[in-house]
Amino acid sequence: MNDPINKLDALQYHVTQECGTEPPFQNAYWDNHEPGLYVDVVTGEPLFSSLDKFESGSGWPSFTRPVNPKFVFEKLDRSHGMVRREVRSAKSHLGHVFEDGPGPGGLRYCINSAALRFIPVEKLETEGFGEFKALFGNQGK
């Protein structure tokens, strides 16, 4: 069986399957400013866009909203002696959402890089995400 979970490295597995957290400022996408799409490392579902990414100072990639809300779910998280809203995809823990973000919604989706795979705009077509290319206009050309 070709289960994508079997292809995860140790950190990706810890974050996505054991609700772990990677170190801040020491992860792949916290400081990525390239235009593109962030997809679930396990399922490949589109989760977030660089157009909604912002610098939160937290050390993790932060977004104001999902690119497609049908692939992102919230669950109450009472671990570590606090109450938070966990962000999940169909098969992965992604991070948490907080109400201290910019913009009209005021949300900050604080997501672990280990739960994501980044697809630059110029590779959206070849990676099967061509329908998202129009979001970026002339970026990445």
N, C-alpha and C. Protein backbone atom coordinates (compact mmCIF):
# COMPACT_ATOMS: atom_id res chain seq x y z
N MET A 1 0.84 -1.17 0.00
CA MET A 1 0.00 0.00 0.00
C MET A 1 0.89 1.24 0.00
N ASN A 2 0.52 2.25 -0.77
CA ASN A 2 1.31 3.46 -0.93
C ASN A 2 0.76 4.56 -0.03
N ASP A 3 0.92 4.41 1.26
CA ASP A 3 0.40 5.36 2.24
C ASP A 3 1.36 6.54 2.37
N PRO A 4 0.90 7.78 2.10
CA PRO A 4 1.80 8.93 2.18
C PRO A 4 2.37 9.16 3.58
N ILE A 5 1.71 8.66 4.62
CA ILE A 5 2.23 8.82 5.98
C ILE A 5 3.55 8.08 6.13
N ASN A 6 3.72 6.97 5.42
CA ASN A 6 4.97 6.21 5.48
C ASN A 6 6.14 6.96 4.86
N LYS A 7 5.88 8.01 4.09
CA LYS A 7 6.94 8.77 3.42
C LYS A 7 7.36 10.02 4.20
N LEU A 8 6.75 10.25 5.34
CA LEU A 8 7.08 11.41 6.15
C LEU A 8 8.41 11.21 6.88
N ASP A 9 9.18 12.30 7.02
CA ASP A 9 10.38 12.19 7.85
C ASP A 9 9.94 12.26 9.32
N ALA A 10 10.90 12.12 10.24
CA ALA A 10 10.56 12.03 11.66
C ALA A 10 9.84 13.29 12.17
N LEU A 11 10.29 14.46 11.77
CA LEU A 11 9.65 15.70 12.22
C LEU A 11 8.26 15.85 11.63
N GLN A 12 8.11 15.58 10.34
CA GLN A 12 6.80 15.65 9.71
C GLN A 12 5.82 14.70 10.39
N TYR A 13 6.26 13.51 10.70
CA TYR A 13 5.39 12.54 11.38
C TYR A 13 5.02 13.05 12.77
N HIS A 14 6.01 13.53 13.52
CA HIS A 14 5.75 14.02 14.88
C HIS A 14 4.73 15.16 14.86
N VAL A 15 4.89 16.10 13.95
CA VAL A 15 3.99 17.25 13.89
C VAL A 15 2.60 16.84 13.42
N THR A 16 2.52 16.13 12.29
CA THR A 16 1.22 15.86 11.69
C THR A 16 0.43 14.74 12.35
N GLN A 17 1.12 13.73 12.88
CA GLN A 17 0.41 12.56 13.40
C GLN A 17 0.38 12.50 14.92
N GLU A 18 1.32 13.22 15.58
CA GLU A 18 1.38 13.19 17.04
C GLU A 18 1.11 14.58 17.65
N CYS A 19 0.57 15.49 16.82
CA CYS A 19 0.23 16.85 17.25
C CYS A 19 1.43 17.59 17.85
N GLY A 20 2.59 17.37 17.26
CA GLY A 20 3.80 18.02 17.73
C GLY A 20 3.94 19.44 17.19
N THR A 21 5.02 20.08 17.60
CA THR A 21 5.34 21.43 17.15
C THR A 21 6.82 21.49 16.83
N GLU A 22 7.15 22.10 15.72
CA GLU A 22 8.55 22.29 15.35
C GLU A 22 9.09 23.55 16.01
N PRO A 23 10.41 23.71 16.09
CA PRO A 23 10.97 24.91 16.71
C PRO A 23 10.66 26.18 15.90
N PRO A 24 10.37 27.28 16.59
CA PRO A 24 10.16 28.54 15.88
C PRO A 24 11.47 29.04 15.27
N PHE A 25 11.36 29.74 14.16
CA PHE A 25 12.49 30.35 13.45
C PHE A 25 13.50 29.32 12.94
N GLN A 26 13.18 28.05 13.05
CA GLN A 26 14.06 26.98 12.57
C GLN A 26 13.27 25.99 11.75
N ASN A 27 12.48 26.53 10.82
CA ASN A 27 11.64 25.68 9.99
C ASN A 27 11.63 26.24 8.57
N ALA A 28 11.18 25.46 7.65
CA ALA A 28 11.35 25.76 6.23
C ALA A 28 10.63 27.02 5.73
N TYR A 29 9.48 27.35 6.26
CA TYR A 29 8.67 28.39 5.61
C TYR A 29 8.38 29.64 6.44
N TRP A 30 8.89 29.74 7.66
CA TRP A 30 8.57 30.90 8.49
C TRP A 30 8.97 32.20 7.80
N ASP A 31 10.05 32.17 7.01
CA ASP A 31 10.56 33.37 6.37
C ASP A 31 10.49 33.28 4.84
N ASN A 32 9.65 32.41 4.33
CA ASN A 32 9.50 32.27 2.88
C ASN A 32 8.60 33.39 2.35
N HIS A 33 9.11 34.12 1.37
CA HIS A 33 8.34 35.23 0.79
C HIS A 33 8.03 35.00 -0.68
N GLU A 34 8.29 33.81 -1.16
CA GLU A 34 8.04 33.46 -2.56
C GLU A 34 6.54 33.26 -2.78
N PRO A 35 6.02 33.72 -3.93
CA PRO A 35 4.59 33.49 -4.20
C PRO A 35 4.31 32.03 -4.54
N GLY A 36 3.23 31.52 -3.97
CA GLY A 36 2.87 30.14 -4.25
C GLY A 36 1.81 29.61 -3.30
N LEU A 37 1.66 28.31 -3.34
CA LEU A 37 0.60 27.60 -2.63
C LEU A 37 1.22 26.65 -1.61
N TYR A 38 0.63 26.58 -0.44
CA TYR A 38 1.06 25.64 0.60
C TYR A 38 0.03 24.52 0.66
N VAL A 39 0.48 23.28 0.49
CA VAL A 39 -0.42 22.14 0.48
C VAL A 39 -0.09 21.21 1.65
N ASP A 40 -1.04 20.37 2.00
CA ASP A 40 -0.88 19.39 3.06
C ASP A 40 0.21 18.39 2.66
N VAL A 41 1.20 18.20 3.52
CA VAL A 41 2.30 17.28 3.22
C VAL A 41 1.82 15.83 3.12
N VAL A 42 0.71 15.51 3.75
CA VAL A 42 0.18 14.14 3.71
C VAL A 42 -0.77 13.93 2.54
N THR A 43 -1.79 14.76 2.43
CA THR A 43 -2.84 14.54 1.42
C THR A 43 -2.62 15.31 0.12
N GLY A 44 -1.82 16.36 0.17
CA GLY A 44 -1.63 17.20 -1.02
C GLY A 44 -2.76 18.19 -1.25
N GLU A 45 -3.69 18.29 -0.32
CA GLU A 45 -4.80 19.23 -0.48
C GLU A 45 -4.31 20.67 -0.32
N PRO A 46 -4.86 21.60 -1.10
CA PRO A 46 -4.45 23.00 -0.99
C PRO A 46 -4.96 23.62 0.31
N LEU A 47 -4.04 24.23 1.07
CA LEU A 47 -4.41 24.76 2.38
C LEU A 47 -4.30 26.28 2.48
N PHE A 48 -3.16 26.83 2.10
CA PHE A 48 -2.91 28.26 2.28
C PHE A 48 -2.18 28.83 1.08
N SER A 49 -2.34 30.13 0.89
CA SER A 49 -1.70 30.85 -0.21
C SER A 49 -0.72 31.87 0.36
N SER A 50 0.36 32.11 -0.39
CA SER A 50 1.31 33.14 0.03
C SER A 50 0.65 34.52 0.05
N LEU A 51 -0.44 34.68 -0.68
CA LEU A 51 -1.16 35.96 -0.70
C LEU A 51 -1.78 36.28 0.65
N ASP A 52 -2.02 35.25 1.45
CA ASP A 52 -2.62 35.42 2.78
C ASP A 52 -1.61 35.22 3.90
N LYS A 53 -0.33 35.11 3.54
CA LYS A 53 0.74 34.91 4.53
C LYS A 53 1.22 36.27 5.02
N PHE A 54 1.56 36.34 6.29
CA PHE A 54 2.07 37.59 6.85
C PHE A 54 3.12 37.29 7.91
N GLU A 55 3.93 38.27 8.21
CA GLU A 55 4.97 38.13 9.23
C GLU A 55 4.35 38.40 10.60
N SER A 56 4.22 37.36 11.39
CA SER A 56 3.59 37.49 12.71
C SER A 56 4.61 37.66 13.83
N GLY A 57 5.87 37.37 13.54
CA GLY A 57 6.90 37.43 14.57
C GLY A 57 6.94 36.19 15.44
N SER A 58 6.11 35.20 15.13
CA SER A 58 6.02 34.00 15.95
C SER A 58 7.10 32.96 15.62
N GLY A 59 7.67 33.04 14.42
CA GLY A 59 8.66 32.05 14.01
C GLY A 59 8.08 30.88 13.24
N TRP A 60 6.78 30.92 13.00
CA TRP A 60 6.12 29.91 12.18
C TRP A 60 5.38 30.63 11.05
N PRO A 61 5.14 29.95 9.94
CA PRO A 61 4.33 30.59 8.89
C PRO A 61 2.95 30.92 9.43
N SER A 62 2.49 32.13 9.14
CA SER A 62 1.19 32.59 9.61
C SER A 62 0.36 33.10 8.45
N PHE A 63 -0.91 32.77 8.46
CA PHE A 63 -1.83 33.11 7.38
C PHE A 63 -3.11 33.71 7.96
N THR A 64 -3.76 34.57 7.19
CA THR A 64 -5.00 35.18 7.65
C THR A 64 -6.22 34.29 7.39
N ARG A 65 -6.09 33.36 6.45
CA ARG A 65 -7.21 32.47 6.12
C ARG A 65 -6.72 31.31 5.25
N PRO A 66 -7.48 30.22 5.21
CA PRO A 66 -7.16 29.12 4.31
C PRO A 66 -7.52 29.50 2.87
N VAL A 67 -6.84 28.90 1.92
CA VAL A 67 -7.16 29.16 0.51
C VAL A 67 -8.45 28.43 0.13
N ASN A 68 -8.72 27.33 0.79
CA ASN A 68 -9.96 26.59 0.56
C ASN A 68 -10.45 26.04 1.90
N PRO A 69 -11.42 26.70 2.53
CA PRO A 69 -11.86 26.30 3.88
C PRO A 69 -12.37 24.87 3.99
N LYS A 70 -12.73 24.24 2.90
CA LYS A 70 -13.25 22.87 3.02
C LYS A 70 -12.17 21.85 3.39
N PHE A 71 -10.88 22.26 3.30
CA PHE A 71 -9.79 21.35 3.65
C PHE A 71 -9.18 21.63 5.02
N VAL A 72 -9.68 22.65 5.72
CA VAL A 72 -9.12 23.04 7.02
C VAL A 72 -10.22 22.99 8.07
N PHE A 73 -9.92 22.30 9.17
CA PHE A 73 -10.89 22.10 10.24
C PHE A 73 -10.32 22.61 11.55
N GLU A 74 -11.20 22.96 12.46
CA GLU A 74 -10.78 23.38 13.80
C GLU A 74 -11.30 22.40 14.84
N LYS A 75 -10.51 22.23 15.88
CA LYS A 75 -10.86 21.33 16.96
C LYS A 75 -10.38 21.95 18.26
N LEU A 76 -11.17 21.86 19.30
CA LEU A 76 -10.77 22.40 20.60
C LEU A 76 -9.59 21.59 21.14
N ASP A 77 -8.56 22.29 21.58
CA ASP A 77 -7.34 21.67 22.09
C ASP A 77 -7.14 22.14 23.53
N ARG A 78 -7.24 21.22 24.48
CA ARG A 78 -7.09 21.54 25.90
C ARG A 78 -5.76 21.03 26.45
N SER A 79 -4.81 20.75 25.59
CA SER A 79 -3.52 20.24 26.03
C SER A 79 -2.64 21.37 26.60
N HIS A 80 -1.60 20.99 27.30
CA HIS A 80 -0.61 21.93 27.84
C HIS A 80 -1.22 22.97 28.79
N GLY A 81 -2.31 22.62 29.47
CA GLY A 81 -2.91 23.50 30.46
C GLY A 81 -3.55 24.76 29.92
N MET A 82 -3.93 24.74 28.64
CA MET A 82 -4.60 25.91 28.05
C MET A 82 -5.66 25.45 27.07
N VAL A 83 -6.50 26.37 26.66
CA VAL A 83 -7.53 26.08 25.67
C VAL A 83 -7.18 26.84 24.39
N ARG A 84 -7.00 26.08 23.30
CA ARG A 84 -6.67 26.68 22.01
C ARG A 84 -7.53 26.03 20.94
N ARG A 85 -7.49 26.62 19.75
CA ARG A 85 -8.19 26.05 18.59
C ARG A 85 -7.16 25.43 17.68
N GLU A 86 -7.15 24.10 17.65
CA GLU A 86 -6.24 23.35 16.79
C GLU A 86 -6.72 23.45 15.34
N VAL A 87 -5.77 23.55 14.42
CA VAL A 87 -6.07 23.54 12.99
C VAL A 87 -5.62 22.20 12.45
N ARG A 88 -6.55 21.53 11.74
CA ARG A 88 -6.28 20.20 11.19
C ARG A 88 -6.71 20.14 9.73
N SER A 89 -6.12 19.20 9.03
CA SER A 89 -6.63 18.82 7.71
C SER A 89 -7.25 17.44 7.88
N ALA A 90 -7.61 16.81 6.80
CA ALA A 90 -8.28 15.51 6.89
C ALA A 90 -7.43 14.47 7.64
N LYS A 91 -6.10 14.54 7.50
CA LYS A 91 -5.24 13.52 8.10
C LYS A 91 -4.08 14.07 8.92
N SER A 92 -4.07 15.38 9.17
CA SER A 92 -2.90 15.97 9.81
C SER A 92 -3.26 17.06 10.82
N HIS A 93 -2.43 17.12 11.87
CA HIS A 93 -2.38 18.30 12.73
C HIS A 93 -1.54 19.32 11.96
N LEU A 94 -2.03 20.57 11.87
CA LEU A 94 -1.32 21.61 11.15
C LEU A 94 -0.72 22.65 12.10
N GLY A 95 -1.47 23.06 13.11
CA GLY A 95 -1.04 24.11 14.03
C GLY A 95 -2.23 24.59 14.83
N HIS A 96 -2.30 25.91 15.05
CA HIS A 96 -3.39 26.51 15.82
C HIS A 96 -3.82 27.82 15.18
N VAL A 97 -5.03 28.24 15.47
CA VAL A 97 -5.53 29.53 14.99
C VAL A 97 -5.81 30.41 16.21
N PHE A 98 -5.38 31.68 16.08
CA PHE A 98 -5.53 32.64 17.16
C PHE A 98 -6.28 33.87 16.64
N GLU A 99 -6.83 34.62 17.54
CA GLU A 99 -7.63 35.80 17.16
C GLU A 99 -6.83 37.10 17.29
N ASP A 100 -5.56 37.06 16.93
CA ASP A 100 -4.71 38.25 17.02
C ASP A 100 -4.06 38.59 15.67
N GLY A 101 -4.70 38.18 14.59
CA GLY A 101 -4.16 38.43 13.26
C GLY A 101 -4.62 39.74 12.66
N PRO A 102 -4.01 40.14 11.56
CA PRO A 102 -4.39 41.37 10.88
C PRO A 102 -5.64 41.18 10.02
N GLY A 103 -6.10 42.24 9.47
CA GLY A 103 -7.19 42.15 8.50
C GLY A 103 -8.55 42.06 9.14
N PRO A 104 -9.58 42.03 8.28
CA PRO A 104 -10.96 42.06 8.76
C PRO A 104 -11.35 40.86 9.61
N GLY A 105 -10.80 39.68 9.31
CA GLY A 105 -11.16 38.49 10.10
C GLY A 105 -10.44 38.41 11.42
N GLY A 106 -9.28 39.08 11.52
CA GLY A 106 -8.51 39.09 12.75
C GLY A 106 -7.91 37.75 13.15
N LEU A 107 -7.79 36.82 12.19
CA LEU A 107 -7.28 35.49 12.53
C LEU A 107 -5.81 35.34 12.14
N ARG A 108 -5.11 34.51 12.92
CA ARG A 108 -3.73 34.14 12.62
C ARG A 108 -3.65 32.62 12.66
N TYR A 109 -3.58 32.03 11.48
CA TYR A 109 -3.38 30.58 11.38
C TYR A 109 -1.88 30.35 11.50
N CYS A 110 -1.45 29.87 12.64
CA CYS A 110 -0.04 29.62 12.93
C CYS A 110 0.22 28.15 12.62
N ILE A 111 0.94 27.90 11.53
CA ILE A 111 1.03 26.55 10.96
C ILE A 111 2.47 26.05 10.98
N ASN A 112 2.66 24.79 11.30
CA ASN A 112 3.97 24.17 11.26
C ASN A 112 4.41 23.94 9.82
N SER A 113 5.63 24.37 9.49
CA SER A 113 6.17 24.12 8.15
C SER A 113 6.22 22.63 7.84
N ALA A 114 6.47 21.81 8.85
CA ALA A 114 6.58 20.37 8.66
C ALA A 114 5.28 19.74 8.17
N ALA A 115 4.16 20.45 8.33
CA ALA A 115 2.87 19.94 7.88
C ALA A 115 2.56 20.38 6.45
N LEU A 116 3.46 21.19 5.88
CA LEU A 116 3.20 21.79 4.57
C LEU A 116 4.24 21.40 3.52
N ARG A 117 3.81 21.51 2.28
CA ARG A 117 4.72 21.46 1.13
C ARG A 117 4.42 22.70 0.32
N PHE A 118 5.46 23.44 -0.05
CA PHE A 118 5.28 24.69 -0.78
C PHE A 118 5.44 24.43 -2.27
N ILE A 119 4.51 24.99 -3.06
CA ILE A 119 4.57 24.89 -4.52
C ILE A 119 4.66 26.31 -5.07
N PRO A 120 5.82 26.68 -5.65
CA PRO A 120 5.95 28.02 -6.22
C PRO A 120 4.98 28.23 -7.38
N VAL A 121 4.61 29.49 -7.62
CA VAL A 121 3.63 29.82 -8.66
C VAL A 121 4.01 29.18 -10.00
N GLU A 122 5.27 29.24 -10.37
CA GLU A 122 5.68 28.73 -11.68
C GLU A 122 5.56 27.22 -11.81
N LYS A 123 5.32 26.51 -10.71
CA LYS A 123 5.17 25.05 -10.76
C LYS A 123 3.73 24.60 -10.51
N LEU A 124 2.80 25.54 -10.32
CA LEU A 124 1.42 25.17 -10.01
C LEU A 124 0.81 24.28 -11.09
N GLU A 125 1.01 24.63 -12.36
CA GLU A 125 0.45 23.83 -13.47
C GLU A 125 1.00 22.41 -13.44
N THR A 126 2.32 22.27 -13.38
CA THR A 126 2.93 20.94 -13.46
C THR A 126 2.64 20.09 -12.23
N GLU A 127 2.34 20.74 -11.10
CA GLU A 127 2.04 20.01 -9.86
C GLU A 127 0.55 19.70 -9.72
N GLY A 128 -0.26 20.13 -10.70
CA GLY A 128 -1.69 19.82 -10.67
C GLY A 128 -2.55 20.86 -9.97
N PHE A 129 -2.03 22.07 -9.78
CA PHE A 129 -2.78 23.12 -9.10
C PHE A 129 -2.96 24.34 -9.99
N GLY A 130 -3.09 24.12 -11.28
CA GLY A 130 -3.23 25.20 -12.24
C GLY A 130 -4.41 26.12 -11.98
N GLU A 131 -5.47 25.60 -11.36
CA GLU A 131 -6.65 26.44 -11.09
C GLU A 131 -6.35 27.57 -10.10
N PHE A 132 -5.24 27.47 -9.36
CA PHE A 132 -4.88 28.52 -8.41
C PHE A 132 -3.98 29.59 -9.01
N LYS A 133 -3.46 29.34 -10.20
CA LYS A 133 -2.51 30.27 -10.81
C LYS A 133 -3.11 31.66 -11.01
N ALA A 134 -4.39 31.74 -11.34
CA ALA A 134 -5.02 33.05 -11.58
C ALA A 134 -5.02 33.93 -10.32
N LEU A 135 -4.99 33.33 -9.13
CA LEU A 135 -4.94 34.11 -7.89
C LEU A 135 -3.72 35.02 -7.83
N PHE A 136 -2.65 34.60 -8.46
CA PHE A 136 -1.37 35.28 -8.32
C PHE A 136 -1.08 36.30 -9.42
N GLY A 137 -1.98 36.45 -10.39
CA GLY A 137 -1.75 37.41 -11.46
C GLY A 137 -0.43 37.18 -12.14
N ASN A 138 0.42 38.18 -12.17
CA ASN A 138 1.73 38.08 -12.83
C ASN A 138 2.87 37.70 -11.88
N GLN A 139 2.56 37.40 -10.62
CA GLN A 139 3.61 37.01 -9.67
C GLN A 139 4.26 35.70 -10.10
N GLY A 140 5.56 35.60 -9.87
CA GLY A 140 6.26 34.35 -10.14
C GLY A 140 6.57 34.10 -11.59
N LYS A 141 6.42 35.09 -12.45
CA LYS A 141 6.73 34.88 -13.87
C LYS A 141 8.10 35.36 -14.19
